[in-house]
Amino acid sequence: MQKLKVAGNSGQNPGFDFLQECWNDDPALQIVIKKLLVKFPQWGIAIMDRVLVA
């Protein structure tokens, strides 16, 4: 969760693999990740059919 907060504050992409791991581990983190992807579309990561895609 801390790494996601840092990404939200700095705008630095934590990496697709990290985001996908968090996405699969905890449904609560999915909400945080969705907000990050809306805030930073330049990361080139999207959600399709409830799955992260790069």
PDB file of N, CA and C in Angstrom:
ATOM      1  N   MET A   1       0.823  -1.187   0.000  1.00  0.00           N
ATOM      2  CA  MET A   1       0.000   0.000   0.000  1.00  0.00           C
ATOM      3  C   MET A   1       0.870   1.255   0.000  1.00  0.00           C
ATOM      4  N   GLN A   2       1.962   1.216   0.733  1.00  0.00           N
ATOM      5  CA  GLN A   2       2.854   2.385   0.810  1.00  0.00           C
ATOM      6  C   GLN A   2       3.418   2.744  -0.561  1.00  0.00           C
ATOM      7  N   LYS A   3       3.808   1.732  -1.323  1.00  0.00           N
ATOM      8  CA  LYS A   3       4.374   1.990  -2.653  1.00  0.00           C
ATOM      9  C   LYS A   3       3.320   2.618  -3.569  1.00  0.00           C
ATOM     10  N   LEU A   4       2.063   2.224  -3.406  1.00  0.00           N
ATOM     11  CA  LEU A   4       0.992   2.813  -4.205  1.00  0.00           C
ATOM     12  C   LEU A   4       0.761   4.274  -3.811  1.00  0.00           C
ATOM     13  N   LYS A   5       0.862   4.571  -2.523  1.00  0.00           N
ATOM     14  CA  LYS A   5       0.712   5.954  -2.056  1.00  0.00           C
ATOM     15  C   LYS A   5       1.829   6.831  -2.607  1.00  0.00           C
ATOM     16  N   VAL A   6       3.040   6.309  -2.608  1.00  0.00           N
ATOM     17  CA  VAL A   6       4.181   7.065  -3.151  1.00  0.00           C
ATOM     18  C   VAL A   6       3.962   7.333  -4.637  1.00  0.00           C
ATOM     19  N   ALA A   7       3.480   6.328  -5.361  1.00  0.00           N
ATOM     20  CA  ALA A   7       3.216   6.490  -6.791  1.00  0.00           C
ATOM     21  C   ALA A   7       2.161   7.565  -7.018  1.00  0.00           C
ATOM     22  N   GLY A   8       1.145   7.583  -6.174  1.00  0.00           N
ATOM     23  CA  GLY A   8       0.100   8.584  -6.300  1.00  0.00           C
ATOM     24  C   GLY A   8       0.592   9.988  -6.052  1.00  0.00           C
ATOM     25  N   ASN A   9       1.528  10.139  -5.144  1.00  0.00           N
ATOM     26  CA  ASN A   9       2.058  11.459  -4.810  1.00  0.00           C
ATOM     27  C   ASN A   9       3.125  11.934  -5.793  1.00  0.00           C
ATOM     28  N   SER A  10       3.913  11.005  -6.304  1.00  0.00           N
ATOM     29  CA  SER A  10       5.041  11.385  -7.154  1.00  0.00           C
ATOM     30  C   SER A  10       4.738  11.283  -8.649  1.00  0.00           C
ATOM     31  N   GLY A  11       3.777  10.427  -8.996  1.00  0.00           N
ATOM     32  CA  GLY A  11       3.478  10.206 -10.407  1.00  0.00           C
ATOM     33  C   GLY A  11       4.394   9.194 -11.061  1.00  0.00           C
ATOM     34  N   GLN A  12       5.286   8.594 -10.280  1.00  0.00           N
ATOM     35  CA  GLN A  12       6.206   7.599 -10.831  1.00  0.00           C
ATOM     36  C   GLN A  12       5.498   6.252 -10.931  1.00  0.00           C
ATOM     37  N   ASN A  13       5.569   5.672 -12.100  1.00  0.00           N
ATOM     38  CA  ASN A  13       4.947   4.381 -12.360  1.00  0.00           C
ATOM     39  C   ASN A  13       5.667   3.297 -11.559  1.00  0.00           C
ATOM     40  N   PRO A  14       4.954   2.571 -10.692  1.00  0.00           N
ATOM     41  CA  PRO A  14       5.600   1.518  -9.907  1.00  0.00           C
ATOM     42  C   PRO A  14       5.863   0.244 -10.712  1.00  0.00           C
ATOM     43  N   GLY A  15       5.406   0.208 -11.937  1.00  0.00           N
ATOM     44  CA  GLY A  15       5.639  -0.938 -12.805  1.00  0.00           C
ATOM     45  C   GLY A  15       4.403  -1.810 -12.945  1.00  0.00           C
ATOM     46  N   PHE A  16       4.215  -2.302 -14.148  1.00  0.00           N
ATOM     47  CA  PHE A  16       3.035  -3.109 -14.435  1.00  0.00           C
ATOM     48  C   PHE A  16       2.993  -4.367 -13.586  1.00  0.00           C
ATOM     49  N   ASP A  17       4.121  -5.044 -13.442  1.00  0.00           N
ATOM     50  CA  ASP A  17       4.150  -6.296 -12.669  1.00  0.00           C
ATOM     51  C   ASP A  17       3.730  -6.065 -11.223  1.00  0.00           C
ATOM     52  N   PHE A  18       4.217  -4.990 -10.626  1.00  0.00           N
ATOM     53  CA  PHE A  18       3.848  -4.668  -9.243  1.00  0.00           C
ATOM     54  C   PHE A  18       2.355  -4.378  -9.144  1.00  0.00           C
ATOM     55  N   LEU A  19       1.841  -3.561 -10.062  1.00  0.00           N
ATOM     56  CA  LEU A  19       0.413  -3.237 -10.042  1.00  0.00           C
ATOM     57  C   LEU A  19      -0.447  -4.480 -10.231  1.00  0.00           C
ATOM     58  N   GLN A  20      -0.020  -5.347 -11.124  1.00  0.00           N
ATOM     59  CA  GLN A  20      -0.784  -6.573 -11.367  1.00  0.00           C
ATOM     60  C   GLN A  20      -0.775  -7.481 -10.142  1.00  0.00           C
ATOM     61  N   GLU A  21       0.348  -7.570  -9.472  1.00  0.00           N
ATOM     62  CA  GLU A  21       0.440  -8.384  -8.254  1.00  0.00           C
ATOM     63  C   GLU A  21      -0.509  -7.844  -7.180  1.00  0.00           C
ATOM     64  N   CYS A  22      -0.504  -6.526  -6.995  1.00  0.00           N
ATOM     65  CA  CYS A  22      -1.411  -5.910  -6.017  1.00  0.00           C
ATOM     66  C   CYS A  22      -2.865  -6.122  -6.431  1.00  0.00           C
ATOM     67  N   TRP A  23      -3.134  -5.984  -7.713  1.00  0.00           N
ATOM     68  CA  TRP A  23      -4.486  -6.147  -8.252  1.00  0.00           C
ATOM     69  C   TRP A  23      -5.017  -7.540  -7.936  1.00  0.00           C
ATOM     70  N   ASN A  24      -4.177  -8.543  -8.099  1.00  0.00           N
ATOM     71  CA  ASN A  24      -4.594  -9.926  -7.887  1.00  0.00           C
ATOM     72  C   ASN A  24      -4.659 -10.298  -6.408  1.00  0.00           C
ATOM     73  N   ASP A  25      -3.902  -9.600  -5.561  1.00  0.00           N
ATOM     74  CA  ASP A  25      -3.811  -9.947  -4.144  1.00  0.00           C
ATOM     75  C   ASP A  25      -4.963  -9.437  -3.292  1.00  0.00           C
ATOM     76  N   ASP A  26      -5.448  -8.239  -3.580  1.00  0.00           N
ATOM     77  CA  ASP A  26      -6.375  -7.608  -2.649  1.00  0.00           C
ATOM     78  C   ASP A  26      -7.406  -6.753  -3.393  1.00  0.00           C
ATOM     79  N   PRO A  27      -8.678  -7.104  -3.293  1.00  0.00           N
ATOM     80  CA  PRO A  27      -9.716  -6.309  -3.964  1.00  0.00           C
ATOM     81  C   PRO A  27      -9.748  -4.849  -3.506  1.00  0.00           C
ATOM     82  N   ALA A  28      -9.364  -4.578  -2.271  1.00  0.00           N
ATOM     83  CA  ALA A  28      -9.337  -3.195  -1.798  1.00  0.00           C
ATOM     84  C   ALA A  28      -8.279  -2.379  -2.543  1.00  0.00           C
ATOM     85  N   LEU A  29      -7.182  -3.019  -2.900  1.00  0.00           N
ATOM     86  CA  LEU A  29      -6.137  -2.315  -3.648  1.00  0.00           C
ATOM     87  C   LEU A  29      -6.575  -2.019  -5.081  1.00  0.00           C
ATOM     88  N   GLN A  30      -7.522  -2.784  -5.586  1.00  0.00           N
ATOM     89  CA  GLN A  30      -8.028  -2.529  -6.935  1.00  0.00           C
ATOM     90  C   GLN A  30      -8.614  -1.128  -7.039  1.00  0.00           C
ATOM     91  N   ILE A  31      -9.268  -0.677  -5.980  1.00  0.00           N
ATOM     92  CA  ILE A  31      -9.840   0.675  -5.976  1.00  0.00           C
ATOM     93  C   ILE A  31      -8.731   1.718  -6.061  1.00  0.00           C
ATOM     94  N   VAL A  32      -7.679   1.513  -5.298  1.00  0.00           N
ATOM     95  CA  VAL A  32      -6.546   2.439  -5.301  1.00  0.00           C
ATOM     96  C   VAL A  32      -5.895   2.453  -6.683  1.00  0.00           C
ATOM     97  N   ILE A  33      -5.710   1.293  -7.259  1.00  0.00           N
ATOM     98  CA  ILE A  33      -5.074   1.195  -8.578  1.00  0.00           C
ATOM     99  C   ILE A  33      -5.939   1.852  -9.642  1.00  0.00           C
ATOM    100  N   LYS A  34      -7.242   1.647  -9.582  1.00  0.00           N
ATOM    101  CA  LYS A  34      -8.147   2.291 -10.548  1.00  0.00           C
ATOM    102  C   LYS A  34      -7.985   3.803 -10.497  1.00  0.00           C
ATOM    103  N   LYS A  35      -7.916   4.365  -9.298  1.00  0.00           N
ATOM    104  CA  LYS A  35      -7.754   5.811  -9.149  1.00  0.00           C
ATOM    105  C   LYS A  35      -6.419   6.288  -9.707  1.00  0.00           C
ATOM    106  N   LEU A  36      -5.365   5.505  -9.480  1.00  0.00           N
ATOM    107  CA  LEU A  36      -4.048   5.865 -10.015  1.00  0.00           C
ATOM    108  C   LEU A  36      -4.049   5.857 -11.542  1.00  0.00           C
ATOM    109  N   LEU A  37      -4.700   4.869 -12.131  1.00  0.00           N
ATOM    110  CA  LEU A  37      -4.710   4.767 -13.589  1.00  0.00           C
ATOM    111  C   LEU A  37      -5.507   5.903 -14.224  1.00  0.00           C
ATOM    112  N   VAL A  38      -6.527   6.366 -13.541  1.00  0.00           N
ATOM    113  CA  VAL A  38      -7.276   7.523 -14.036  1.00  0.00           C
ATOM    114  C   VAL A  38      -6.420   8.782 -13.914  1.00  0.00           C
ATOM    115  N   LYS A  39      -5.708   8.895 -12.812  1.00  0.00           N
ATOM    116  CA  LYS A  39      -4.872  10.073 -12.551  1.00  0.00           C
ATOM    117  C   LYS A  39      -3.654  10.138 -13.470  1.00  0.00           C
ATOM    118  N   PHE A  40      -3.117   8.960 -13.833  1.00  0.00           N
ATOM    119  CA  PHE A  40      -1.894   8.906 -14.642  1.00  0.00           C
ATOM    120  C   PHE A  40      -2.080   8.041 -15.896  1.00  0.00           C
ATOM    121  N   PRO A  41      -2.866   8.505 -16.871  1.00  0.00           N
ATOM    122  CA  PRO A  41      -3.084   7.717 -18.096  1.00  0.00           C
ATOM    123  C   PRO A  41      -1.803   7.528 -18.909  1.00  0.00           C
ATOM    124  N   GLN A  42      -0.811   8.392 -18.679  1.00  0.00           N
ATOM    125  CA  GLN A  42       0.447   8.288 -19.419  1.00  0.00           C
ATOM    126  C   GLN A  42       1.214   7.000 -19.097  1.00  0.00           C
ATOM    127  N   TRP A  43       0.831   6.318 -18.021  1.00  0.00           N
ATOM    128  CA  TRP A  43       1.476   5.049 -17.688  1.00  0.00           C
ATOM    129  C   TRP A  43       1.163   3.979 -18.726  1.00  0.00           C
ATOM    130  N   GLY A  44       0.098   4.147 -19.493  1.00  0.00           N
ATOM    131  CA  GLY A  44      -0.249   3.192 -20.543  1.00  0.00           C
ATOM    132  C   GLY A  44      -0.808   1.885 -20.023  1.00  0.00           C
ATOM    133  N   ILE A  45      -1.458   1.919 -18.867  1.00  0.00           N
ATOM    134  CA  ILE A  45      -2.056   0.719 -18.282  1.00  0.00           C
ATOM    135  C   ILE A  45      -3.544   0.957 -18.190  1.00  0.00           C
ATOM    136  N   ALA A  46      -4.313  -0.032 -18.578  1.00  0.00           N
ATOM    137  CA  ALA A  46      -5.769   0.090 -18.553  1.00  0.00           C
ATOM    138  C   ALA A  46      -6.391  -1.137 -17.908  1.00  0.00           C
ATOM    139  N   ILE A  47      -7.693  -1.036 -17.680  1.00  0.00           N
ATOM    140  CA  ILE A  47      -8.446  -2.158 -17.122  1.00  0.00           C
ATOM    141  C   ILE A  47      -9.469  -2.576 -18.167  1.00  0.00           C
ATOM    142  N   MET A  48      -9.418  -3.842 -18.538  1.00  0.00           N
ATOM    143  CA  MET A  48     -10.374  -4.391 -19.495  1.00  0.00           C
ATOM    144  C   MET A  48     -10.946  -5.673 -18.907  1.00  0.00           C
ATOM    145  N   ASP A  49     -12.255  -5.729 -18.792  1.00  0.00           N
ATOM    146  CA  ASP A  49     -12.921  -6.906 -18.233  1.00  0.00           C
ATOM    147  C   ASP A  49     -12.326  -7.299 -16.886  1.00  0.00           C
ATOM    148  N   ARG A  50     -12.105  -6.294 -16.031  1.00  0.00           N
ATOM    149  CA  ARG A  50     -11.556  -6.478 -14.687  1.00  0.00           C
ATOM    150  C   ARG A  50     -10.158  -7.074 -14.658  1.00  0.00           C
ATOM    151  N   VAL A  51      -9.392  -6.860 -15.730  1.00  0.00           N
ATOM    152  CA  VAL A  51      -8.012  -7.338 -15.830  1.00  0.00           C
ATOM    153  C   VAL A  51      -7.130  -6.170 -16.249  1.00  0.00           C
ATOM    154  N   LEU A  52      -5.969  -6.044 -15.629  1.00  0.00           N
ATOM    155  CA  LEU A  52      -5.014  -5.007 -16.019  1.00  0.00           C
ATOM    156  C   LEU A  52      -4.313  -5.400 -17.314  1.00  0.00           C
ATOM    157  N   VAL A  53      -4.182  -4.431 -18.214  1.00  0.00           N
ATOM    158  CA  VAL A  53      -3.460  -4.654 -19.467  1.00  0.00           C
ATOM    159  C   VAL A  53      -2.514  -3.499 -19.710  1.00  0.00           C
ATOM    160  N   ALA A  54      -1.378  -3.804 -20.262  1.00  0.00           N
ATOM    161  CA  ALA A  54      -0.394  -2.764 -20.575  1.00  0.00           C
ATOM    162  C   ALA A  54      -0.265  -2.610 -22.075  1.00  0.00           C
TER     163      ALA A  54
END
